[in-house]
Structure formats: C-alpha cells, structure tokens
Amino acid sequence: MNSSDSSLKAASRRKLSFLQTMRAVAWSFFGVRKSADLEKDVNQLNPVHVVIAGVIGALVLIAALATLVNWVLASGIAA
C-alpha cells in the first residue's frame, strides 16, 4: 500500500459531520469564505462528504433556478 492510499483512507475518517460539510459547501457556492476557515475545512472535512454535498448542492441550485424560471414565465413578466 502506498502513502497516497493511506492518506486517502485517513482523510475519509475525518470527524466533521455531514451538516458541517454541507455548510462549508454552501459557503463555497456563495463564494464567500475566510482563508482561515478554508484551511480548517481542508484539514477536517471528509472528502467523501464533500463530493456528496457538492452534488446535492448542485442539484438544489438547478432545481431552484428551474423553479424561478417557471415562476417568471408563468407570471407573465417575461412576455
């Protein structure tokens, strides 16, 4: 086993909760993050949780945009 395999396994055992991961990903989508918080996240977030949270965040963003477009079109504002 090489060192990259062991470091990935160690990273996947990090203890921050999925909710804390979702919060960090939400701040990333918004684009506002302090560098100190970023460093903390890099050292404490579980990479598997980050990927799952990113996919969920992207799906929520797409659904929100689709809902907004449908609402604007249905209201007649865009006509």
PDB file of N, CA and C in Angstrom:
ATOM      1  N   MET A   1       0.855  -1.176   0.000  1.00  0.00           N
ATOM      2  CA  MET A   1       0.000   0.000   0.000  1.00  0.00           C
ATOM      3  C   MET A   1       0.896   1.233   0.000  1.00  0.00           C
ATOM      4  N   ASN A   2       0.646   2.156  -0.898  1.00  0.00           N
ATOM      5  CA  ASN A   2       1.482   3.347  -0.943  1.00  0.00           C
ATOM      6  C   ASN A   2       0.911   4.446  -0.044  1.00  0.00           C
ATOM      7  N   SER A   3       1.670   5.517   0.089  1.00  0.00           N
ATOM      8  CA  SER A   3       1.286   6.574   1.031  1.00  0.00           C
ATOM      9  C   SER A   3       0.031   7.327   0.604  1.00  0.00           C
ATOM     10  N   SER A   4      -0.240   7.440  -0.714  1.00  0.00           N
ATOM     11  CA  SER A   4      -1.443   8.151  -1.147  1.00  0.00           C
ATOM     12  C   SER A   4      -2.701   7.369  -0.787  1.00  0.00           C
ATOM     13  N   ASP A   5      -2.645   6.038  -0.832  1.00  0.00           N
ATOM     14  CA  ASP A   5      -3.786   5.221  -0.418  1.00  0.00           C
ATOM     15  C   ASP A   5      -4.069   5.393   1.071  1.00  0.00           C
ATOM     16  N   SER A   6      -3.020   5.386   1.868  1.00  0.00           N
ATOM     17  CA  SER A   6      -3.220   5.518   3.310  1.00  0.00           C
ATOM     18  C   SER A   6      -3.678   6.921   3.683  1.00  0.00           C
ATOM     19  N   SER A   7      -3.198   7.949   2.968  1.00  0.00           N
ATOM     20  CA  SER A   7      -3.645   9.305   3.291  1.00  0.00           C
ATOM     21  C   SER A   7      -5.105   9.510   2.889  1.00  0.00           C
ATOM     22  N   LEU A   8      -5.543   8.870   1.802  1.00  0.00           N
ATOM     23  CA  LEU A   8      -6.947   8.958   1.401  1.00  0.00           C
ATOM     24  C   LEU A   8      -7.844   8.254   2.414  1.00  0.00           C
ATOM     25  N   LYS A   9      -7.402   7.107   2.904  1.00  0.00           N
ATOM     26  CA  LYS A   9      -8.182   6.398   3.922  1.00  0.00           C
ATOM     27  C   LYS A   9      -8.249   7.208   5.208  1.00  0.00           C
ATOM     28  N   ALA A  10      -7.143   7.832   5.561  1.00  0.00           N
ATOM     29  CA  ALA A  10      -7.133   8.674   6.765  1.00  0.00           C
ATOM     30  C   ALA A  10      -8.056   9.875   6.581  1.00  0.00           C
ATOM     31  N   ALA A  11      -8.056  10.472   5.395  1.00  0.00           N
ATOM     32  CA  ALA A  11      -8.913  11.631   5.137  1.00  0.00           C
ATOM     33  C   ALA A  11     -10.377  11.242   5.184  1.00  0.00           C
ATOM     34  N   SER A  12     -10.711  10.037   4.738  1.00  0.00           N
ATOM     35  CA  SER A  12     -12.115   9.617   4.744  1.00  0.00           C
ATOM     36  C   SER A  12     -12.629   9.304   6.142  1.00  0.00           C
ATOM     37  N   ARG A  13     -11.747   9.257   7.113  1.00  0.00           N
ATOM     38  CA  ARG A  13     -12.157   9.007   8.506  1.00  0.00           C
ATOM     39  C   ARG A  13     -12.277  10.287   9.327  1.00  0.00           C
ATOM     40  N   ARG A  14     -12.161  11.428   8.691  1.00  0.00           N
ATOM     41  CA  ARG A  14     -12.254  12.692   9.425  1.00  0.00           C
ATOM     42  C   ARG A  14     -13.630  12.839  10.041  1.00  0.00           C
ATOM     43  N   LYS A  15     -13.703  13.586  11.127  1.00  0.00           N
ATOM     44  CA  LYS A  15     -14.869  13.550  12.000  1.00  0.00           C
ATOM     45  C   LYS A  15     -15.916  14.648  11.814  1.00  0.00           C
ATOM     46  N   LEU A  16     -15.700  15.654  10.988  1.00  0.00           N
ATOM     47  CA  LEU A  16     -16.729  16.685  10.853  1.00  0.00           C
ATOM     48  C   LEU A  16     -18.008  16.065  10.321  1.00  0.00           C
ATOM     49  N   SER A  17     -19.120  16.534  10.811  1.00  0.00           N
ATOM     50  CA  SER A  17     -20.404  15.969  10.426  1.00  0.00           C
ATOM     51  C   SER A  17     -20.784  16.350   8.999  1.00  0.00           C
ATOM     52  N   PHE A  18     -21.742  15.627   8.461  1.00  0.00           N
ATOM     53  CA  PHE A  18     -22.211  15.917   7.111  1.00  0.00           C
ATOM     54  C   PHE A  18     -22.856  17.291   7.056  1.00  0.00           C
ATOM     55  N   LEU A  19     -23.531  17.699   8.122  1.00  0.00           N
ATOM     56  CA  LEU A  19     -24.148  19.030   8.170  1.00  0.00           C
ATOM     57  C   LEU A  19     -23.083  20.127   8.105  1.00  0.00           C
ATOM     58  N   GLN A  20     -21.976  19.951   8.818  1.00  0.00           N
ATOM     59  CA  GLN A  20     -20.885  20.923   8.751  1.00  0.00           C
ATOM     60  C   GLN A  20     -20.282  20.954   7.349  1.00  0.00           C
ATOM     61  N   THR A  21     -20.228  19.801   6.704  1.00  0.00           N
ATOM     62  CA  THR A  21     -19.726  19.737   5.333  1.00  0.00           C
ATOM     63  C   THR A  21     -20.666  20.470   4.388  1.00  0.00           C
ATOM     64  N   MET A  22     -21.982  20.279   4.554  1.00  0.00           N
ATOM     65  CA  MET A  22     -22.961  20.977   3.717  1.00  0.00           C
ATOM     66  C   MET A  22     -22.819  22.488   3.893  1.00  0.00           C
ATOM     67  N   ARG A  23     -22.587  22.927   5.111  1.00  0.00           N
ATOM     68  CA  ARG A  23     -22.412  24.355   5.384  1.00  0.00           C
ATOM     69  C   ARG A  23     -21.176  24.897   4.659  1.00  0.00           C
ATOM     70  N   ALA A  24     -20.078  24.170   4.706  1.00  0.00           N
ATOM     71  CA  ALA A  24     -18.859  24.599   4.026  1.00  0.00           C
ATOM     72  C   ALA A  24     -19.061  24.643   2.511  1.00  0.00           C
ATOM     73  N   VAL A  25     -19.765  23.661   1.972  1.00  0.00           N
ATOM     74  CA  VAL A  25     -20.026  23.632   0.526  1.00  0.00           C
ATOM     75  C   VAL A  25     -20.969  24.771   0.137  1.00  0.00           C
ATOM     76  N   ALA A  26     -21.960  25.067   0.976  1.00  0.00           N
ATOM     77  CA  ALA A  26     -22.875  26.170   0.695  1.00  0.00           C
ATOM     78  C   ALA A  26     -22.118  27.496   0.653  1.00  0.00           C
ATOM     79  N   TRP A  27     -21.204  27.710   1.588  1.00  0.00           N
ATOM     80  CA  TRP A  27     -20.388  28.923   1.563  1.00  0.00           C
ATOM     81  C   TRP A  27     -19.541  28.964   0.300  1.00  0.00           C
ATOM     82  N   SER A  28     -19.071  27.815  -0.148  1.00  0.00           N
ATOM     83  CA  SER A  28     -18.264  27.764  -1.372  1.00  0.00           C
ATOM     84  C   SER A  28     -19.102  28.119  -2.594  1.00  0.00           C
ATOM     85  N   PHE A  29     -20.354  27.648  -2.645  1.00  0.00           N
ATOM     86  CA  PHE A  29     -21.246  28.007  -3.742  1.00  0.00           C
ATOM     87  C   PHE A  29     -21.513  29.503  -3.739  1.00  0.00           C
ATOM     88  N   PHE A  30     -21.640  30.076  -2.561  1.00  0.00           N
ATOM     89  CA  PHE A  30     -21.891  31.512  -2.426  1.00  0.00           C
ATOM     90  C   PHE A  30     -20.654  32.328  -2.781  1.00  0.00           C
ATOM     91  N   GLY A  31     -19.473  31.749  -2.576  1.00  0.00           N
ATOM     92  CA  GLY A  31     -18.234  32.399  -2.960  1.00  0.00           C
ATOM     93  C   GLY A  31     -17.602  33.256  -1.892  1.00  0.00           C
ATOM     94  N   VAL A  32     -18.061  33.116  -0.653  1.00  0.00           N
ATOM     95  CA  VAL A  32     -17.511  33.909   0.442  1.00  0.00           C
ATOM     96  C   VAL A  32     -16.965  32.950   1.486  1.00  0.00           C
ATOM     97  N   ARG A  33     -15.659  33.006   1.707  1.00  0.00           N
ATOM     98  CA  ARG A  33     -15.042  32.113   2.678  1.00  0.00           C
ATOM     99  C   ARG A  33     -13.753  32.742   3.176  1.00  0.00           C
ATOM    100  N   LYS A  34     -13.553  32.764   4.473  1.00  0.00           N
ATOM    101  CA  LYS A  34     -12.304  33.263   5.046  1.00  0.00           C
ATOM    102  C   LYS A  34     -11.213  32.216   4.814  1.00  0.00           C
ATOM    103  N   SER A  35      -9.996  32.686   4.623  1.00  0.00           N
ATOM    104  CA  SER A  35      -8.899  31.745   4.374  1.00  0.00           C
ATOM    105  C   SER A  35      -8.630  30.859   5.592  1.00  0.00           C
ATOM    106  N   ALA A  36      -8.835  31.382   6.780  1.00  0.00           N
ATOM    107  CA  ALA A  36      -8.649  30.560   7.982  1.00  0.00           C
ATOM    108  C   ALA A  36      -9.673  29.436   8.024  1.00  0.00           C
ATOM    109  N   ASP A  37     -10.920  29.737   7.650  1.00  0.00           N
ATOM    110  CA  ASP A  37     -11.953  28.699   7.612  1.00  0.00           C
ATOM    111  C   ASP A  37     -11.664  27.681   6.522  1.00  0.00           C
ATOM    112  N   LEU A  38     -11.124  28.143   5.400  1.00  0.00           N
ATOM    113  CA  LEU A  38     -10.764  27.232   4.326  1.00  0.00           C
ATOM    114  C   LEU A  38      -9.692  26.254   4.784  1.00  0.00           C
ATOM    115  N   GLU A  39      -8.671  26.745   5.451  1.00  0.00           N
ATOM    116  CA  GLU A  39      -7.610  25.865   5.959  1.00  0.00           C
ATOM    117  C   GLU A  39      -8.168  24.853   6.956  1.00  0.00           C
ATOM    118  N   LYS A  40      -9.063  25.304   7.825  1.00  0.00           N
ATOM    119  CA  LYS A  40      -9.692  24.407   8.791  1.00  0.00           C
ATOM    120  C   LYS A  40     -10.482  23.323   8.063  1.00  0.00           C
ATOM    121  N   ASP A  41     -11.232  23.727   7.035  1.00  0.00           N
ATOM    122  CA  ASP A  41     -12.030  22.771   6.282  1.00  0.00           C
ATOM    123  C   ASP A  41     -11.157  21.743   5.572  1.00  0.00           C
ATOM    124  N   VAL A  42     -10.071  22.198   4.976  1.00  0.00           N
ATOM    125  CA  VAL A  42      -9.181  21.287   4.256  1.00  0.00           C
ATOM    126  C   VAL A  42      -8.641  20.214   5.186  1.00  0.00           C
ATOM    127  N   ASN A  43      -8.373  20.581   6.414  1.00  0.00           N
ATOM    128  CA  ASN A  43      -7.794  19.637   7.364  1.00  0.00           C
ATOM    129  C   ASN A  43      -8.827  18.775   8.079  1.00  0.00           C
ATOM    130  N   GLN A  44     -10.106  19.166   8.069  1.00  0.00           N
ATOM    131  CA  GLN A  44     -11.082  18.451   8.875  1.00  0.00           C
ATOM    132  C   GLN A  44     -12.218  17.818   8.097  1.00  0.00           C
ATOM    133  N   LEU A  45     -12.495  18.262   6.880  1.00  0.00           N
ATOM    134  CA  LEU A  45     -13.629  17.721   6.138  1.00  0.00           C
ATOM    135  C   LEU A  45     -13.306  16.374   5.527  1.00  0.00           C
ATOM    136  N   ASN A  46     -14.306  15.521   5.510  1.00  0.00           N
ATOM    137  CA  ASN A  46     -14.203  14.213   4.886  1.00  0.00           C
ATOM    138  C   ASN A  46     -14.421  14.402   3.382  1.00  0.00           C
ATOM    139  N   PRO A  47     -13.458  14.005   2.537  1.00  0.00           N
ATOM    140  CA  PRO A  47     -13.601  14.235   1.098  1.00  0.00           C
ATOM    141  C   PRO A  47     -14.817  13.539   0.485  1.00  0.00           C
ATOM    142  N   VAL A  48     -15.209  12.413   1.025  1.00  0.00           N
ATOM    143  CA  VAL A  48     -16.407  11.725   0.518  1.00  0.00           C
ATOM    144  C   VAL A  48     -17.639  12.572   0.788  1.00  0.00           C
ATOM    145  N   HIS A  49     -17.714  13.158   1.967  1.00  0.00           N
ATOM    146  CA  HIS A  49     -18.831  14.043   2.304  1.00  0.00           C
ATOM    147  C   HIS A  49     -18.843  15.277   1.414  1.00  0.00           C
ATOM    148  N   VAL A  50     -17.658  15.799   1.083  1.00  0.00           N
ATOM    149  CA  VAL A  50     -17.574  16.994   0.236  1.00  0.00           C
ATOM    150  C   VAL A  50     -18.145  16.707  -1.151  1.00  0.00           C
ATOM    151  N   VAL A  51     -17.803  15.558  -1.713  1.00  0.00           N
ATOM    152  CA  VAL A  51     -18.310  15.195  -3.047  1.00  0.00           C
ATOM    153  C   VAL A  51     -19.828  15.039  -3.009  1.00  0.00           C
ATOM    154  N   ILE A  52     -20.343  14.334  -2.016  1.00  0.00           N
ATOM    155  CA  ILE A  52     -21.790  14.134  -1.895  1.00  0.00           C
ATOM    156  C   ILE A  52     -22.495  15.471  -1.674  1.00  0.00           C
ATOM    157  N   ALA A  53     -21.949  16.307  -0.805  1.00  0.00           N
ATOM    158  CA  ALA A  53     -22.547  17.615  -0.533  1.00  0.00           C
ATOM    159  C   ALA A  53     -22.509  18.496  -1.775  1.00  0.00           C
ATOM    160  N   GLY A  54     -21.449  18.411  -2.549  1.00  0.00           N
ATOM    161  CA  GLY A  54     -21.358  19.188  -3.780  1.00  0.00           C
ATOM    162  C   GLY A  54     -22.410  18.785  -4.797  1.00  0.00           C
ATOM    163  N   VAL A  55     -22.633  17.494  -4.937  1.00  0.00           N
ATOM    164  CA  VAL A  55     -23.664  17.007  -5.862  1.00  0.00           C
ATOM    165  C   VAL A  55     -25.045  17.444  -5.387  1.00  0.00           C
ATOM    166  N   ILE A  56     -25.306  17.306  -4.090  1.00  0.00           N
ATOM    167  CA  ILE A  56     -26.595  17.735  -3.542  1.00  0.00           C
ATOM    168  C   ILE A  56     -26.772  19.243  -3.734  1.00  0.00           C
ATOM    169  N   GLY A  57     -25.728  20.020  -3.463  1.00  0.00           N
ATOM    170  CA  GLY A  57     -25.800  21.469  -3.638  1.00  0.00           C
ATOM    171  C   GLY A  57     -26.068  21.855  -5.081  1.00  0.00           C
ATOM    172  N   ALA A  58     -25.426  21.173  -6.018  1.00  0.00           N
ATOM    173  CA  ALA A  58     -25.653  21.457  -7.434  1.00  0.00           C
ATOM    174  C   ALA A  58     -27.088  21.132  -7.838  1.00  0.00           C
ATOM    175  N   LEU A  59     -27.616  20.010  -7.357  1.00  0.00           N
ATOM    176  CA  LEU A  59     -28.999  19.637  -7.676  1.00  0.00           C
ATOM    177  C   LEU A  59     -29.996  20.638  -7.096  1.00  0.00           C
ATOM    178  N   VAL A  60     -29.742  21.095  -5.879  1.00  0.00           N
ATOM    179  CA  VAL A  60     -30.621  22.090  -5.256  1.00  0.00           C
ATOM    180  C   VAL A  60     -30.560  23.409  -6.031  1.00  0.00           C
ATOM    181  N   LEU A  61     -29.367  23.816  -6.446  1.00  0.00           N
ATOM    182  CA  LEU A  61     -29.214  25.044  -7.226  1.00  0.00           C
ATOM    183  C   LEU A  61     -29.953  24.944  -8.563  1.00  0.00           C
ATOM    184  N   ILE A  62     -29.826  23.825  -9.246  1.00  0.00           N
ATOM    185  CA  ILE A  62     -30.515  23.625 -10.522  1.00  0.00           C
ATOM    186  C   ILE A  62     -32.035  23.646 -10.321  1.00  0.00           C
ATOM    187  N   ALA A  63     -32.508  22.971  -9.277  1.00  0.00           N
ATOM    188  CA  ALA A  63     -33.951  22.949  -9.005  1.00  0.00           C
ATOM    189  C   ALA A  63     -34.464  24.357  -8.674  1.00  0.00           C
ATOM    190  N   ALA A  64     -33.693  25.112  -7.905  1.00  0.00           N
ATOM    191  CA  ALA A  64     -34.109  26.476  -7.560  1.00  0.00           C
ATOM    192  C   ALA A  64     -34.159  27.367  -8.804  1.00  0.00           C
ATOM    193  N   LEU A  65     -33.172  27.236  -9.663  1.00  0.00           N
ATOM    194  CA  LEU A  65     -33.176  28.040 -10.889  1.00  0.00           C
ATOM    195  C   LEU A  65     -34.321  27.646 -11.821  1.00  0.00           C
ATOM    196  N   ALA A  66     -34.588  26.355 -11.939  1.00  0.00           N
ATOM    197  CA  ALA A  66     -35.695  25.898 -12.781  1.00  0.00           C
ATOM    198  C   ALA A  66     -37.028  26.382 -12.231  1.00  0.00           C
ATOM    199  N   THR A  67     -37.188  26.359 -10.912  1.00  0.00           N
ATOM    200  CA  THR A  67     -38.412  26.855 -10.282  1.00  0.00           C
ATOM    201  C   THR A  67     -38.570  28.350 -10.520  1.00  0.00           C
ATOM    202  N   LEU A  68     -37.493  29.094 -10.385  1.00  0.00           N
ATOM    203  CA  LEU A  68     -37.537  30.535 -10.622  1.00  0.00           C
ATOM    204  C   LEU A  68     -37.914  30.850 -12.073  1.00  0.00           C
ATOM    205  N   VAL A  69     -37.330  30.142 -13.009  1.00  0.00           N
ATOM    206  CA  VAL A  69     -37.648  30.364 -14.427  1.00  0.00           C
ATOM    207  C   VAL A  69     -39.108  30.049 -14.698  1.00  0.00           C
ATOM    208  N   ASN A  70     -39.592  28.931 -14.191  1.00  0.00           N
ATOM    209  CA  ASN A  70     -41.001  28.562 -14.383  1.00  0.00           C
ATOM    210  C   ASN A  70     -41.937  29.601 -13.766  1.00  0.00           C
ATOM    211  N   TRP A  71     -41.571  30.116 -12.595  1.00  0.00           N
ATOM    212  CA  TRP A  71     -42.408  31.117 -11.948  1.00  0.00           C
ATOM    213  C   TRP A  71     -42.443  32.412 -12.765  1.00  0.00           C
ATOM    214  N   VAL A  72     -41.294  32.841 -13.274  1.00  0.00           N
ATOM    215  CA  VAL A  72     -41.239  34.056 -14.080  1.00  0.00           C
ATOM    216  C   VAL A  72     -42.037  33.884 -15.359  1.00  0.00           C
ATOM    217  N   LEU A  73     -41.902  32.760 -16.019  1.00  0.00           N
ATOM    218  CA  LEU A  73     -42.648  32.515 -17.259  1.00  0.00           C
ATOM    219  C   LEU A  73     -44.154  32.424 -17.016  1.00  0.00           C
ATOM    220  N   ALA A  74     -44.539  31.795 -15.902  1.00  0.00           N
ATOM    221  CA  ALA A  74     -45.963  31.652 -15.592  1.00  0.00           C
ATOM    222  C   ALA A  74     -46.599  32.980 -15.159  1.00  0.00           C
ATOM    223  N   SER A  75     -45.811  33.870 -14.588  1.00  0.00           N
ATOM    224  CA  SER A  75     -46.370  35.131 -14.101  1.00  0.00           C
ATOM    225  C   SER A  75     -46.614  36.130 -15.232  1.00  0.00           C
ATOM    226  N   GLY A  76     -46.044  35.893 -16.381  1.00  0.00           N
ATOM    227  CA  GLY A  76     -46.227  36.791 -17.494  1.00  0.00           C
ATOM    228  C   GLY A  76     -45.256  37.950 -17.534  1.00  0.00           C
ATOM    229  N   ILE A  77     -44.342  38.007 -16.622  1.00  0.00           N
ATOM    230  CA  ILE A  77     -43.359  39.089 -16.592  1.00  0.00           C
ATOM    231  C   ILE A  77     -42.472  39.038 -17.832  1.00  0.00           C
ATOM    232  N   ALA A  78     -42.143  37.840 -18.274  1.00  0.00           N
ATOM    233  CA  ALA A  78     -41.209  37.668 -19.393  1.00  0.00           C
ATOM    234  C   ALA A  78     -41.884  37.848 -20.748  1.00  0.00           C
ATOM    235  N   ALA A  79     -43.194  38.025 -20.775  1.00  0.00           N
ATOM    236  CA  ALA A  79     -43.900  38.103 -22.055  1.00  0.00           C
ATOM    237  C   ALA A  79     -43.790  39.418 -22.720  1.00  0.00           C
TER     238      ALA A  79
END
